[in-house]
Amino acid sequence: MIRKHTPKDLEAILNIWHQASTLAHPFLDDAFVEQVKTAMRDMYIPDSETWVYEEYGTILGFISMMDNEIGGLFVLPNHHSKGIGSQLVNFIKPSYKSLEVEVFDKNTIGRAFYKKYGFKHMHSYFHKESSQDVLRLKFDNLN
């Protein structure tokens, strides 16, 4: 089931983010990861439209939207490749003419997901705070 998150879901969302981010972003230094975790708790989740994917009372993944941008899409690593990420994108897709997302160039997991889904490369830039190259991708919703 996909539902809008509630404040009581925050710890589960942060846990999913931490587990999935650790797998997808081993190249990020610990200080930057802690900075992002604080921002997730205090700013990103409260200021976004966040939806969770839940089975049998357990949250397995989430998607956070800021306008038409996917600010975060994370699934527990032991539930990857089961269609949860696609279901979350499919759930929000009808509300937007296009979707955009930023993904670290070294994030092979995220890049493969977005490529398979049909996102196209728009441009790249160097993210000073993380010392990483970032790709901006776009999906045009023509349906």
N, C-alpha and C. Protein backbone atom coordinates (compact mmCIF):
# COMPACT_ATOMS: atom_id res chain seq x y z
N MET A 1 0.84 -1.18 0.00
CA MET A 1 0.00 0.00 0.00
C MET A 1 0.89 1.25 0.00
N ILE A 2 0.50 2.23 -0.78
CA ILE A 2 1.19 3.51 -0.78
C ILE A 2 0.28 4.52 -0.11
N ARG A 3 0.85 5.27 0.83
CA ARG A 3 0.07 6.27 1.55
C ARG A 3 0.96 7.46 1.87
N LYS A 4 0.31 8.58 2.15
CA LYS A 4 1.03 9.78 2.56
C LYS A 4 1.68 9.52 3.92
N HIS A 5 2.90 9.99 4.09
CA HIS A 5 3.59 9.76 5.36
C HIS A 5 2.96 10.60 6.47
N THR A 6 3.15 10.15 7.69
CA THR A 6 2.74 10.90 8.87
C THR A 6 3.98 11.14 9.72
N PRO A 7 3.93 12.09 10.65
CA PRO A 7 5.11 12.34 11.49
C PRO A 7 5.65 11.10 12.21
N LYS A 8 4.78 10.16 12.54
CA LYS A 8 5.25 8.95 13.23
C LYS A 8 6.10 8.06 12.33
N ASP A 9 6.09 8.31 11.02
CA ASP A 9 6.87 7.53 10.07
C ASP A 9 8.31 8.01 9.93
N LEU A 10 8.64 9.14 10.54
CA LEU A 10 9.94 9.77 10.29
C LEU A 10 11.12 8.85 10.59
N GLU A 11 11.11 8.16 11.71
CA GLU A 11 12.25 7.29 12.06
C GLU A 11 12.41 6.17 11.04
N ALA A 12 11.30 5.57 10.61
CA ALA A 12 11.38 4.51 9.60
C ALA A 12 11.92 5.06 8.29
N ILE A 13 11.49 6.26 7.89
CA ILE A 13 11.97 6.89 6.66
C ILE A 13 13.47 7.14 6.76
N LEU A 14 13.92 7.68 7.88
CA LEU A 14 15.35 7.95 8.06
C LEU A 14 16.16 6.66 8.06
N ASN A 15 15.62 5.59 8.63
CA ASN A 15 16.30 4.31 8.62
C ASN A 15 16.44 3.76 7.19
N ILE A 16 15.36 3.85 6.42
CA ILE A 16 15.40 3.41 5.02
C ILE A 16 16.43 4.23 4.26
N TRP A 17 16.37 5.54 4.43
CA TRP A 17 17.33 6.41 3.75
C TRP A 17 18.76 6.01 4.11
N HIS A 18 19.03 5.81 5.39
CA HIS A 18 20.40 5.50 5.82
C HIS A 18 20.88 4.17 5.22
N GLN A 19 20.04 3.14 5.29
CA GLN A 19 20.45 1.84 4.75
C GLN A 19 20.67 1.90 3.23
N ALA A 20 19.72 2.48 2.52
CA ALA A 20 19.81 2.54 1.06
C ALA A 20 20.91 3.49 0.61
N SER A 21 21.06 4.61 1.32
CA SER A 21 22.09 5.57 0.98
C SER A 21 23.49 5.01 1.22
N THR A 22 23.66 4.25 2.29
CA THR A 22 24.95 3.63 2.57
C THR A 22 25.34 2.68 1.44
N LEU A 23 24.37 1.93 0.92
CA LEU A 23 24.62 1.01 -0.18
C LEU A 23 24.92 1.76 -1.49
N ALA A 24 24.11 2.78 -1.78
CA ALA A 24 24.22 3.48 -3.06
C ALA A 24 25.32 4.55 -3.10
N HIS A 25 25.71 5.05 -1.91
CA HIS A 25 26.65 6.17 -1.85
C HIS A 25 27.87 5.88 -0.97
N PRO A 26 28.58 4.77 -1.19
CA PRO A 26 29.73 4.48 -0.34
C PRO A 26 30.87 5.48 -0.51
N PHE A 27 30.80 6.29 -1.53
CA PHE A 27 31.83 7.28 -1.85
C PHE A 27 31.67 8.58 -1.06
N LEU A 28 30.56 8.75 -0.33
CA LEU A 28 30.34 9.98 0.44
C LEU A 28 31.02 9.88 1.80
N ASP A 29 31.61 10.99 2.24
CA ASP A 29 32.27 10.95 3.55
C ASP A 29 31.25 11.08 4.68
N ASP A 30 31.63 10.57 5.84
CA ASP A 30 30.71 10.49 6.98
C ASP A 30 30.16 11.84 7.41
N ALA A 31 30.97 12.88 7.37
CA ALA A 31 30.51 14.21 7.80
C ALA A 31 29.39 14.70 6.88
N PHE A 32 29.53 14.49 5.58
CA PHE A 32 28.49 14.92 4.64
C PHE A 32 27.22 14.11 4.87
N VAL A 33 27.34 12.81 5.10
CA VAL A 33 26.17 11.95 5.34
C VAL A 33 25.42 12.41 6.58
N GLU A 34 26.13 12.74 7.64
CA GLU A 34 25.48 13.22 8.87
C GLU A 34 24.77 14.55 8.63
N GLN A 35 25.38 15.41 7.84
CA GLN A 35 24.77 16.71 7.50
C GLN A 35 23.46 16.48 6.74
N VAL A 36 23.46 15.56 5.81
CA VAL A 36 22.25 15.27 5.03
C VAL A 36 21.19 14.64 5.93
N LYS A 37 21.60 13.74 6.83
CA LYS A 37 20.63 13.10 7.72
C LYS A 37 19.90 14.14 8.57
N THR A 38 20.64 15.11 9.09
CA THR A 38 20.03 16.19 9.87
C THR A 38 19.06 17.00 9.00
N ALA A 39 19.49 17.31 7.78
CA ALA A 39 18.63 18.07 6.87
C ALA A 39 17.39 17.27 6.49
N MET A 40 17.53 15.97 6.34
CA MET A 40 16.37 15.12 6.05
C MET A 40 15.34 15.23 7.17
N ARG A 41 15.80 15.11 8.40
CA ARG A 41 14.91 15.14 9.56
C ARG A 41 14.27 16.51 9.74
N ASP A 42 15.06 17.56 9.63
CA ASP A 42 14.61 18.90 9.99
C ASP A 42 13.98 19.69 8.84
N MET A 43 14.36 19.35 7.59
CA MET A 43 13.94 20.19 6.48
C MET A 43 13.32 19.40 5.33
N TYR A 44 14.06 18.45 4.77
CA TYR A 44 13.61 17.80 3.54
C TYR A 44 12.29 17.05 3.69
N ILE A 45 12.17 16.19 4.69
CA ILE A 45 10.92 15.43 4.84
C ILE A 45 9.77 16.35 5.25
N PRO A 46 9.96 17.24 6.24
CA PRO A 46 8.83 18.13 6.59
C PRO A 46 8.39 19.06 5.46
N ASP A 47 9.33 19.45 4.57
CA ASP A 47 9.00 20.42 3.52
C ASP A 47 8.66 19.78 2.18
N SER A 48 8.50 18.48 2.14
CA SER A 48 8.19 17.81 0.88
C SER A 48 6.89 17.02 1.00
N GLU A 49 6.39 16.59 -0.15
CA GLU A 49 5.27 15.66 -0.19
C GLU A 49 5.90 14.28 -0.19
N THR A 50 5.75 13.55 0.90
CA THR A 50 6.38 12.24 1.01
C THR A 50 5.32 11.15 1.11
N TRP A 51 5.54 10.11 0.33
CA TRP A 51 4.66 8.96 0.29
C TRP A 51 5.47 7.73 0.67
N VAL A 52 4.87 6.83 1.42
CA VAL A 52 5.56 5.62 1.84
C VAL A 52 4.90 4.39 1.21
N TYR A 53 5.73 3.37 0.98
CA TYR A 53 5.26 2.07 0.54
C TYR A 53 5.31 1.16 1.75
N GLU A 54 4.16 0.60 2.11
CA GLU A 54 4.04 -0.17 3.33
C GLU A 54 3.44 -1.54 3.04
N GLU A 55 4.01 -2.56 3.66
CA GLU A 55 3.46 -3.91 3.60
C GLU A 55 3.36 -4.46 5.02
N TYR A 56 2.20 -4.94 5.38
CA TYR A 56 1.98 -5.56 6.69
C TYR A 56 2.47 -4.67 7.84
N GLY A 57 2.23 -3.37 7.73
CA GLY A 57 2.58 -2.43 8.78
C GLY A 57 4.04 -2.00 8.80
N THR A 58 4.84 -2.45 7.83
CA THR A 58 6.26 -2.08 7.78
C THR A 58 6.51 -1.23 6.54
N ILE A 59 7.15 -0.09 6.74
CA ILE A 59 7.49 0.80 5.62
C ILE A 59 8.75 0.25 4.96
N LEU A 60 8.66 0.01 3.64
CA LEU A 60 9.77 -0.58 2.90
C LEU A 60 10.45 0.42 1.97
N GLY A 61 9.79 1.55 1.70
CA GLY A 61 10.37 2.54 0.80
C GLY A 61 9.59 3.84 0.87
N PHE A 62 10.15 4.87 0.27
CA PHE A 62 9.45 6.16 0.23
C PHE A 62 9.92 6.98 -0.96
N ILE A 63 9.07 7.94 -1.33
CA ILE A 63 9.40 8.93 -2.35
C ILE A 63 9.01 10.29 -1.81
N SER A 64 9.90 11.26 -1.95
CA SER A 64 9.65 12.63 -1.51
C SER A 64 9.68 13.55 -2.72
N MET A 65 8.62 14.33 -2.88
CA MET A 65 8.51 15.23 -4.02
C MET A 65 8.59 16.69 -3.56
N MET A 66 9.35 17.46 -4.32
CA MET A 66 9.42 18.91 -4.14
C MET A 66 9.09 19.50 -5.50
N ASP A 67 7.86 19.97 -5.66
CA ASP A 67 7.31 20.34 -6.96
C ASP A 67 7.40 19.10 -7.85
N ASN A 68 8.02 19.21 -9.04
CA ASN A 68 8.10 18.03 -9.91
C ASN A 68 9.41 17.28 -9.75
N GLU A 69 10.17 17.62 -8.71
CA GLU A 69 11.47 16.96 -8.50
C GLU A 69 11.36 15.86 -7.46
N ILE A 70 11.91 14.71 -7.81
CA ILE A 70 12.03 13.62 -6.84
C ILE A 70 13.20 13.98 -5.94
N GLY A 71 12.88 14.44 -4.74
CA GLY A 71 13.92 14.82 -3.79
C GLY A 71 14.57 13.60 -3.14
N GLY A 72 13.84 12.50 -3.11
CA GLY A 72 14.38 11.26 -2.57
C GLY A 72 13.50 10.09 -2.95
N LEU A 73 14.13 9.01 -3.35
CA LEU A 73 13.45 7.75 -3.64
C LEU A 73 14.35 6.66 -3.11
N PHE A 74 13.93 6.04 -2.02
CA PHE A 74 14.77 5.03 -1.36
C PHE A 74 13.92 3.84 -0.94
N VAL A 75 14.51 2.66 -1.09
CA VAL A 75 13.86 1.40 -0.72
C VAL A 75 14.87 0.61 0.11
N LEU A 76 14.38 -0.08 1.13
CA LEU A 76 15.27 -0.92 1.92
C LEU A 76 16.05 -1.85 1.00
N PRO A 77 17.37 -1.96 1.18
CA PRO A 77 18.18 -2.76 0.27
C PRO A 77 17.70 -4.21 0.08
N ASN A 78 17.20 -4.85 1.13
CA ASN A 78 16.75 -6.23 0.97
C ASN A 78 15.41 -6.33 0.23
N HIS A 79 14.86 -5.19 -0.20
CA HIS A 79 13.64 -5.16 -1.00
C HIS A 79 13.88 -4.53 -2.37
N HIS A 80 15.15 -4.32 -2.74
CA HIS A 80 15.46 -3.81 -4.08
C HIS A 80 15.05 -4.83 -5.13
N SER A 81 14.79 -4.34 -6.32
CA SER A 81 14.45 -5.17 -7.49
C SER A 81 13.15 -5.95 -7.32
N LYS A 82 12.25 -5.41 -6.50
CA LYS A 82 10.94 -6.04 -6.33
C LYS A 82 9.82 -5.14 -6.85
N GLY A 83 10.19 -4.05 -7.54
CA GLY A 83 9.19 -3.17 -8.13
C GLY A 83 8.68 -2.06 -7.23
N ILE A 84 9.21 -1.94 -6.02
CA ILE A 84 8.70 -0.93 -5.09
C ILE A 84 9.03 0.48 -5.58
N GLY A 85 10.25 0.70 -6.02
CA GLY A 85 10.63 2.02 -6.54
C GLY A 85 9.75 2.42 -7.73
N SER A 86 9.55 1.49 -8.65
CA SER A 86 8.69 1.76 -9.81
C SER A 86 7.26 2.06 -9.39
N GLN A 87 6.75 1.32 -8.41
CA GLN A 87 5.39 1.57 -7.93
C GLN A 87 5.27 2.97 -7.34
N LEU A 88 6.30 3.39 -6.60
CA LEU A 88 6.27 4.73 -6.02
C LEU A 88 6.29 5.81 -7.10
N VAL A 89 7.14 5.64 -8.12
CA VAL A 89 7.17 6.62 -9.22
C VAL A 89 5.86 6.58 -9.98
N ASN A 90 5.34 5.39 -10.25
CA ASN A 90 4.06 5.28 -10.96
C ASN A 90 2.93 5.94 -10.19
N PHE A 91 3.01 5.90 -8.87
CA PHE A 91 1.97 6.50 -8.03
C PHE A 91 1.95 8.03 -8.17
N ILE A 92 3.11 8.66 -8.20
CA ILE A 92 3.14 10.13 -8.26
C ILE A 92 3.11 10.66 -9.69
N LYS A 93 3.51 9.85 -10.65
CA LYS A 93 3.65 10.28 -12.04
C LYS A 93 2.42 10.97 -12.62
N PRO A 94 1.19 10.49 -12.38
CA PRO A 94 0.02 11.14 -12.99
C PRO A 94 -0.18 12.60 -12.58
N SER A 95 0.45 13.03 -11.50
CA SER A 95 0.26 14.40 -11.02
C SER A 95 1.19 15.41 -11.70
N TYR A 96 2.09 14.95 -12.58
CA TYR A 96 3.11 15.83 -13.15
C TYR A 96 3.25 15.63 -14.66
N LYS A 97 3.52 16.73 -15.37
CA LYS A 97 3.80 16.65 -16.81
C LYS A 97 5.19 16.08 -17.05
N SER A 98 6.10 16.36 -16.11
CA SER A 98 7.45 15.81 -16.21
C SER A 98 7.99 15.63 -14.79
N LEU A 99 8.97 14.77 -14.67
CA LEU A 99 9.65 14.54 -13.40
C LEU A 99 11.13 14.80 -13.60
N GLU A 100 11.76 15.36 -12.58
CA GLU A 100 13.20 15.56 -12.62
C GLU A 100 13.80 14.98 -11.35
N VAL A 101 15.07 14.63 -11.42
CA VAL A 101 15.78 14.07 -10.28
C VAL A 101 17.27 14.34 -10.46
N GLU A 102 17.97 14.45 -9.35
CA GLU A 102 19.42 14.53 -9.38
C GLU A 102 19.97 13.28 -8.73
N VAL A 103 21.01 12.73 -9.35
CA VAL A 103 21.63 11.51 -8.85
C VAL A 103 23.15 11.65 -8.99
N PHE A 104 23.86 11.17 -7.97
CA PHE A 104 25.32 11.21 -8.06
C PHE A 104 25.77 10.33 -9.22
N ASP A 105 26.75 10.81 -9.97
CA ASP A 105 27.29 10.05 -11.09
C ASP A 105 27.78 8.67 -10.65
N LYS A 106 28.36 8.57 -9.46
CA LYS A 106 28.89 7.30 -8.96
C LYS A 106 27.81 6.39 -8.37
N ASN A 107 26.57 6.86 -8.31
CA ASN A 107 25.47 6.05 -7.77
C ASN A 107 24.95 5.13 -8.87
N THR A 108 25.61 4.00 -9.05
CA THR A 108 25.24 3.08 -10.14
C THR A 108 23.85 2.49 -9.93
N ILE A 109 23.44 2.29 -8.69
CA ILE A 109 22.11 1.74 -8.40
C ILE A 109 21.03 2.71 -8.86
N GLY A 110 21.14 3.97 -8.44
CA GLY A 110 20.15 4.97 -8.82
C GLY A 110 20.14 5.25 -10.31
N ARG A 111 21.34 5.35 -10.89
CA ARG A 111 21.42 5.63 -12.33
C ARG A 111 20.76 4.51 -13.14
N ALA A 112 21.00 3.25 -12.74
CA ALA A 112 20.40 2.12 -13.46
C ALA A 112 18.87 2.15 -13.34
N PHE A 113 18.36 2.46 -12.14
CA PHE A 113 16.92 2.53 -11.95
C PHE A 113 16.30 3.59 -12.86
N TYR A 114 16.85 4.80 -12.81
CA TYR A 114 16.26 5.89 -13.59
C TYR A 114 16.40 5.66 -15.09
N LYS A 115 17.49 5.06 -15.52
CA LYS A 115 17.65 4.75 -16.94
C LYS A 115 16.60 3.73 -17.38
N LYS A 116 16.42 2.67 -16.58
CA LYS A 116 15.43 1.64 -16.89
C LYS A 116 14.03 2.25 -16.94
N TYR A 117 13.75 3.20 -16.07
CA TYR A 117 12.44 3.83 -16.02
C TYR A 117 12.20 4.77 -17.21
N GLY A 118 13.28 5.27 -17.82
CA GLY A 118 13.14 6.13 -18.99
C GLY A 118 13.56 7.57 -18.78
N PHE A 119 14.20 7.87 -17.67
CA PHE A 119 14.71 9.22 -17.45
C PHE A 119 15.87 9.48 -18.40
N LYS A 120 15.97 10.72 -18.87
CA LYS A 120 17.02 11.13 -19.81
C LYS A 120 17.92 12.18 -19.15
N HIS A 121 19.20 12.14 -19.51
CA HIS A 121 20.19 13.08 -18.97
C HIS A 121 19.93 14.48 -19.50
N MET A 122 19.87 15.45 -18.59
CA MET A 122 19.70 16.86 -18.99
C MET A 122 21.05 17.57 -18.96
N HIS A 123 21.72 17.50 -17.79
CA HIS A 123 23.03 18.13 -17.64
C HIS A 123 23.70 17.58 -16.39
N SER A 124 24.97 17.93 -16.23
CA SER A 124 25.76 17.50 -15.07
C SER A 124 26.40 18.72 -14.44
N TYR A 125 26.76 18.58 -13.17
CA TYR A 125 27.50 19.64 -12.49
C TYR A 125 28.29 19.03 -11.33
N PHE A 126 29.25 19.80 -10.84
CA PHE A 126 30.06 19.37 -9.70
C PHE A 126 29.42 19.92 -8.43
N HIS A 127 29.10 19.02 -7.50
CA HIS A 127 28.49 19.38 -6.22
C HIS A 127 29.60 19.59 -5.21
N LYS A 128 29.84 20.85 -4.88
CA LYS A 128 30.97 21.22 -4.04
C LYS A 128 30.92 20.58 -2.65
N GLU A 129 29.73 20.57 -2.02
CA GLU A 129 29.61 20.07 -0.65
C GLU A 129 29.98 18.60 -0.51
N SER A 130 29.70 17.81 -1.54
CA SER A 130 30.00 16.37 -1.49
C SER A 130 31.25 16.01 -2.29
N SER A 131 31.77 16.98 -3.05
CA SER A 131 32.91 16.74 -3.95
C SER A 131 32.59 15.66 -4.98
N GLN A 132 31.36 15.66 -5.47
CA GLN A 132 30.92 14.63 -6.42
C GLN A 132 30.25 15.27 -7.63
N ASP A 133 30.34 14.56 -8.77
CA ASP A 133 29.60 14.96 -9.95
C ASP A 133 28.15 14.49 -9.81
N VAL A 134 27.22 15.35 -10.22
CA VAL A 134 25.79 15.06 -10.11
C VAL A 134 25.17 15.16 -11.50
N LEU A 135 24.27 14.23 -11.80
CA LEU A 135 23.53 14.24 -13.05
C LEU A 135 22.10 14.70 -12.78
N ARG A 136 21.61 15.57 -13.63
CA ARG A 136 20.19 15.96 -13.56
C ARG A 136 19.47 15.21 -14.68
N LEU A 137 18.42 14.48 -14.31
CA LEU A 137 17.68 13.64 -15.25
C LEU A 137 16.22 14.10 -15.32
N LYS A 138 15.60 13.78 -16.45
CA LYS A 138 14.21 14.19 -16.64
C LYS A 138 13.42 13.07 -17.31
N PHE A 139 12.17 12.95 -16.87
CA PHE A 139 11.22 12.03 -17.48
C PHE A 139 10.02 12.84 -17.94
N ASP A 140 9.74 12.82 -19.24
CA ASP A 140 8.56 13.51 -19.78
C ASP A 140 7.39 12.56 -19.73
N ASN A 141 6.35 12.96 -19.03
CA ASN A 141 5.15 12.15 -18.86
C ASN A 141 4.18 12.47 -19.98
N LEU A 142 4.21 11.71 -21.02
CA LEU A 142 3.40 11.99 -22.21
C LEU A 142 2.04 11.33 -22.17
N ASN A 143 1.74 10.62 -21.11
CA ASN A 143 0.45 9.92 -21.02
C ASN A 143 -0.65 10.88 -20.64
